[in-house]
N, C-alpha and C. Protein backbone atom coordinates (compact mmCIF):
# COMPACT_ATOMS: atom_id res chain seq x y z
N MET A 1 62.64 -104.61 -31.79
CA MET A 1 62.79 -105.89 -31.14
C MET A 1 63.31 -105.67 -29.73
N THR A 2 62.64 -106.27 -28.76
CA THR A 2 63.07 -106.15 -27.38
C THR A 2 63.62 -107.49 -26.91
N LEU A 3 64.65 -107.40 -26.09
CA LEU A 3 65.24 -108.61 -25.54
C LEU A 3 64.65 -108.88 -24.18
N THR A 4 64.18 -110.07 -24.00
CA THR A 4 63.64 -110.46 -22.69
C THR A 4 64.28 -111.77 -22.27
N THR A 5 64.18 -112.06 -21.02
CA THR A 5 64.76 -113.31 -20.51
C THR A 5 63.98 -114.52 -21.01
N ASP A 6 62.73 -114.33 -21.46
CA ASP A 6 61.94 -115.44 -21.97
C ASP A 6 62.59 -116.07 -23.20
N LYS A 7 63.26 -115.26 -23.98
CA LYS A 7 63.89 -115.77 -25.20
C LYS A 7 65.13 -116.61 -24.89
N PHE A 8 65.73 -116.39 -23.74
CA PHE A 8 66.97 -117.08 -23.42
C PHE A 8 66.76 -118.31 -22.53
N GLN A 9 65.54 -118.54 -22.11
CA GLN A 9 65.30 -119.71 -21.25
C GLN A 9 65.50 -120.99 -22.06
N GLY A 10 66.16 -121.95 -21.43
CA GLY A 10 66.39 -123.22 -22.10
C GLY A 10 67.68 -123.24 -22.89
N ASN A 11 68.35 -122.11 -23.05
CA ASN A 11 69.62 -122.08 -23.75
C ASN A 11 70.75 -122.21 -22.73
N GLU A 12 71.12 -123.45 -22.47
CA GLU A 12 72.19 -123.68 -21.51
C GLU A 12 73.50 -123.78 -22.26
N SER A 13 74.55 -123.34 -21.61
CA SER A 13 75.87 -123.39 -22.21
C SER A 13 76.39 -124.82 -22.20
N ASN A 14 76.94 -125.26 -23.32
CA ASN A 14 77.52 -126.59 -23.41
C ASN A 14 79.03 -126.54 -23.20
N LEU A 15 79.53 -125.42 -22.74
CA LEU A 15 80.95 -125.25 -22.53
C LEU A 15 81.41 -126.12 -21.37
N MET A 16 82.44 -126.93 -21.61
CA MET A 16 82.98 -127.81 -20.58
C MET A 16 84.28 -127.20 -20.06
N ILE A 17 84.47 -127.24 -18.74
CA ILE A 17 85.65 -126.65 -18.11
C ILE A 17 86.37 -127.72 -17.30
N LYS A 18 87.70 -127.74 -17.41
CA LYS A 18 88.50 -128.69 -16.62
C LYS A 18 88.73 -128.10 -15.24
N ILE A 19 88.45 -128.92 -14.22
CA ILE A 19 88.67 -128.48 -12.84
C ILE A 19 89.46 -129.55 -12.10
N LYS A 20 90.16 -129.13 -11.06
CA LYS A 20 90.85 -130.06 -10.18
C LYS A 20 90.12 -130.03 -8.85
N MET A 21 89.73 -131.21 -8.38
CA MET A 21 88.95 -131.30 -7.15
C MET A 21 89.85 -131.11 -5.93
N LEU A 22 89.42 -130.24 -5.01
CA LEU A 22 90.13 -130.02 -3.75
C LEU A 22 89.52 -130.83 -2.62
N LYS A 23 88.23 -131.16 -2.76
CA LYS A 23 87.51 -131.97 -1.78
C LYS A 23 86.64 -132.95 -2.55
N SER A 24 86.33 -134.07 -1.95
CA SER A 24 85.43 -135.04 -2.57
C SER A 24 83.99 -134.56 -2.40
N CYS A 25 83.21 -134.66 -3.47
CA CYS A 25 81.80 -134.27 -3.39
C CYS A 25 81.07 -134.86 -4.60
N GLY A 26 79.78 -134.69 -4.61
CA GLY A 26 78.97 -135.14 -5.73
C GLY A 26 78.46 -133.94 -6.51
N ALA A 27 78.52 -134.02 -7.82
CA ALA A 27 78.03 -132.94 -8.67
C ALA A 27 77.62 -133.49 -10.02
N ASN A 28 76.54 -132.98 -10.53
CA ASN A 28 76.06 -133.33 -11.86
C ASN A 28 75.82 -134.84 -12.00
N GLY A 29 75.36 -135.47 -10.91
CA GLY A 29 75.03 -136.89 -10.96
C GLY A 29 76.21 -137.83 -10.89
N GLU A 30 77.39 -137.35 -10.56
CA GLU A 30 78.55 -138.23 -10.43
C GLU A 30 79.37 -137.85 -9.21
N VAL A 31 80.16 -138.80 -8.73
CA VAL A 31 81.00 -138.56 -7.57
C VAL A 31 82.36 -138.07 -8.05
N LEU A 32 82.79 -136.96 -7.49
CA LEU A 32 84.09 -136.39 -7.84
C LEU A 32 85.00 -136.52 -6.62
N ARG A 33 86.12 -137.18 -6.79
CA ARG A 33 87.04 -137.45 -5.68
C ARG A 33 88.14 -136.39 -5.62
N LYS A 34 88.68 -136.20 -4.42
CA LYS A 34 89.75 -135.24 -4.19
C LYS A 34 90.96 -135.60 -5.07
N GLY A 35 91.52 -134.59 -5.75
CA GLY A 35 92.71 -134.78 -6.58
C GLY A 35 92.41 -135.12 -8.03
N GLU A 36 91.17 -135.49 -8.36
CA GLU A 36 90.82 -135.82 -9.74
C GLU A 36 90.75 -134.57 -10.59
N ILE A 37 91.06 -134.73 -11.86
CA ILE A 37 90.88 -133.65 -12.84
C ILE A 37 89.75 -134.10 -13.75
N LYS A 38 88.67 -133.32 -13.76
CA LYS A 38 87.47 -133.68 -14.52
C LYS A 38 87.04 -132.53 -15.41
N GLU A 39 86.31 -132.87 -16.47
CA GLU A 39 85.68 -131.88 -17.32
C GLU A 39 84.20 -131.87 -16.99
N VAL A 40 83.71 -130.72 -16.53
CA VAL A 40 82.31 -130.59 -16.13
C VAL A 40 81.70 -129.37 -16.83
N PRO A 41 80.37 -129.29 -16.88
CA PRO A 41 79.73 -128.11 -17.48
C PRO A 41 80.10 -126.83 -16.73
N GLU A 42 80.04 -125.73 -17.45
CA GLU A 42 80.45 -124.42 -16.92
C GLU A 42 79.72 -124.07 -15.62
N SER A 43 78.41 -124.27 -15.57
CA SER A 43 77.63 -123.89 -14.39
C SER A 43 78.04 -124.71 -13.17
N VAL A 44 78.30 -126.00 -13.37
CA VAL A 44 78.72 -126.87 -12.27
C VAL A 44 80.11 -126.47 -11.80
N ALA A 45 80.99 -126.19 -12.74
CA ALA A 45 82.38 -125.81 -12.39
C ALA A 45 82.39 -124.55 -11.54
N TYR A 46 81.64 -123.54 -11.93
CA TYR A 46 81.65 -122.28 -11.18
C TYR A 46 81.03 -122.43 -9.79
N SER A 47 80.04 -123.30 -9.66
CA SER A 47 79.46 -123.50 -8.32
C SER A 47 80.43 -124.26 -7.42
N LEU A 48 81.16 -125.24 -7.96
CA LEU A 48 82.16 -125.96 -7.17
C LEU A 48 83.31 -125.04 -6.76
N ILE A 49 83.70 -124.16 -7.65
CA ILE A 49 84.77 -123.20 -7.34
C ILE A 49 84.30 -122.22 -6.28
N ALA A 50 83.04 -121.79 -6.36
CA ALA A 50 82.50 -120.85 -5.38
C ALA A 50 82.48 -121.45 -3.97
N TYR A 51 82.19 -122.76 -3.88
CA TYR A 51 82.17 -123.43 -2.58
C TYR A 51 83.55 -123.94 -2.16
N LYS A 52 84.57 -123.61 -2.94
CA LYS A 52 85.96 -124.00 -2.67
C LYS A 52 86.14 -125.52 -2.63
N ASN A 53 85.37 -126.22 -3.45
CA ASN A 53 85.53 -127.66 -3.60
C ASN A 53 86.42 -128.00 -4.78
N ALA A 54 86.69 -127.00 -5.63
CA ALA A 54 87.50 -127.23 -6.83
C ALA A 54 88.21 -125.94 -7.23
N GLU A 55 89.19 -126.10 -8.13
CA GLU A 55 89.87 -124.94 -8.70
C GLU A 55 90.05 -125.20 -10.19
N LEU A 56 90.22 -124.13 -10.95
CA LEU A 56 90.42 -124.27 -12.38
C LEU A 56 91.71 -125.01 -12.63
N CYS A 57 91.70 -125.89 -13.61
CA CYS A 57 92.88 -126.68 -13.93
C CYS A 57 93.51 -126.08 -15.19
N THR A 58 94.81 -125.82 -15.12
CA THR A 58 95.52 -125.31 -16.29
C THR A 58 96.34 -126.44 -16.90
N GLU A 59 96.57 -126.36 -18.20
CA GLU A 59 97.31 -127.40 -18.90
C GLU A 59 98.78 -127.42 -18.49
N LYS A 60 99.31 -126.28 -18.03
CA LYS A 60 100.72 -126.19 -17.69
C LYS A 60 101.04 -126.80 -16.34
N GLU A 61 100.01 -127.16 -15.59
CA GLU A 61 100.21 -127.71 -14.25
C GLU A 61 100.91 -129.06 -14.33
N LYS A 62 102.01 -129.19 -13.60
CA LYS A 62 102.75 -130.45 -13.58
C LYS A 62 102.67 -131.04 -12.18
N PRO A 63 102.68 -132.36 -12.09
CA PRO A 63 102.66 -132.96 -10.75
C PRO A 63 103.93 -132.60 -9.99
N LYS A 64 103.77 -132.34 -8.72
CA LYS A 64 104.91 -131.97 -7.89
C LYS A 64 105.77 -133.20 -7.62
N ALA A 65 107.08 -133.01 -7.68
CA ALA A 65 108.00 -134.11 -7.40
C ALA A 65 108.03 -134.36 -5.90
N LYS A 66 108.08 -135.62 -5.55
CA LYS A 66 108.13 -135.96 -4.13
C LYS A 66 109.54 -135.71 -3.61
N LYS A 67 109.63 -135.21 -2.41
CA LYS A 67 110.93 -134.98 -1.80
C LYS A 67 111.50 -136.31 -1.34
N LYS A 68 112.78 -136.50 -1.62
CA LYS A 68 113.45 -137.72 -1.20
C LYS A 68 113.98 -137.53 0.21
N ALA A 69 113.89 -138.58 1.00
CA ALA A 69 114.40 -138.53 2.37
C ALA A 69 115.93 -138.51 2.32
N ALA A 70 116.51 -137.73 3.18
CA ALA A 70 117.97 -137.66 3.25
C ALA A 70 118.51 -138.98 3.78
N LYS A 71 119.64 -139.39 3.21
CA LYS A 71 120.24 -140.64 3.67
C LYS A 71 120.82 -140.44 5.06
N LYS A 72 120.62 -141.45 5.89
CA LYS A 72 121.14 -141.38 7.25
C LYS A 72 122.60 -141.81 7.24
N VAL A 73 123.42 -141.04 7.93
CA VAL A 73 124.85 -141.33 8.00
C VAL A 73 125.16 -141.74 9.44
N ALA A 74 125.87 -142.84 9.57
CA ALA A 74 126.21 -143.32 10.91
C ALA A 74 127.21 -142.36 11.55
N LYS A 75 127.00 -142.10 12.82
CA LYS A 75 127.91 -141.22 13.55
C LYS A 75 129.15 -142.02 13.95
N ALA A 76 130.30 -141.37 13.88
CA ALA A 76 131.54 -142.05 14.27
C ALA A 76 131.56 -142.21 15.79
N LYS A 77 132.12 -143.34 16.24
CA LYS A 77 132.22 -143.59 17.66
C LYS A 77 133.31 -142.68 18.23
N PRO A 78 133.13 -142.21 19.45
CA PRO A 78 134.17 -141.39 20.04
C PRO A 78 135.45 -142.21 20.26
N PRO A 79 136.61 -141.57 20.15
CA PRO A 79 137.86 -142.31 20.33
C PRO A 79 137.96 -142.85 21.77
N VAL A 80 138.51 -144.05 21.89
CA VAL A 80 138.66 -144.70 23.20
C VAL A 80 139.97 -144.23 23.82
N ASP A 81 139.88 -143.83 25.10
CA ASP A 81 141.07 -143.38 25.81
C ASP A 81 141.89 -144.62 26.23
N ALA A 82 143.13 -144.70 25.87
CA ALA A 82 143.97 -145.86 26.19
C ALA A 82 144.37 -145.90 27.66
N GLU A 83 144.24 -144.82 28.36
CA GLU A 83 144.69 -144.76 29.75
C GLU A 83 143.68 -145.38 30.71
N ARG A 84 142.52 -145.60 30.39
CA ARG A 84 141.52 -146.12 31.32
C ARG A 84 141.78 -147.51 31.71
């Protein structure tokens, strides 16, 4: 038995991969917006990653906490000279 590529034609992988979009673009007939986490087919995911439009999404990824602005403190007025 010989293996040829003819036997493998039409066998597409149904594996879905979670990706995080770095740029907005269209893929696989849908619009993917920047920052979204989507599940797409393996072939689409790898092409988006190759063009740097997406990155692999891991389950351990947590949203980054926003930095709080420091509270403004009023400056003390300089002491008034009584001799003036």
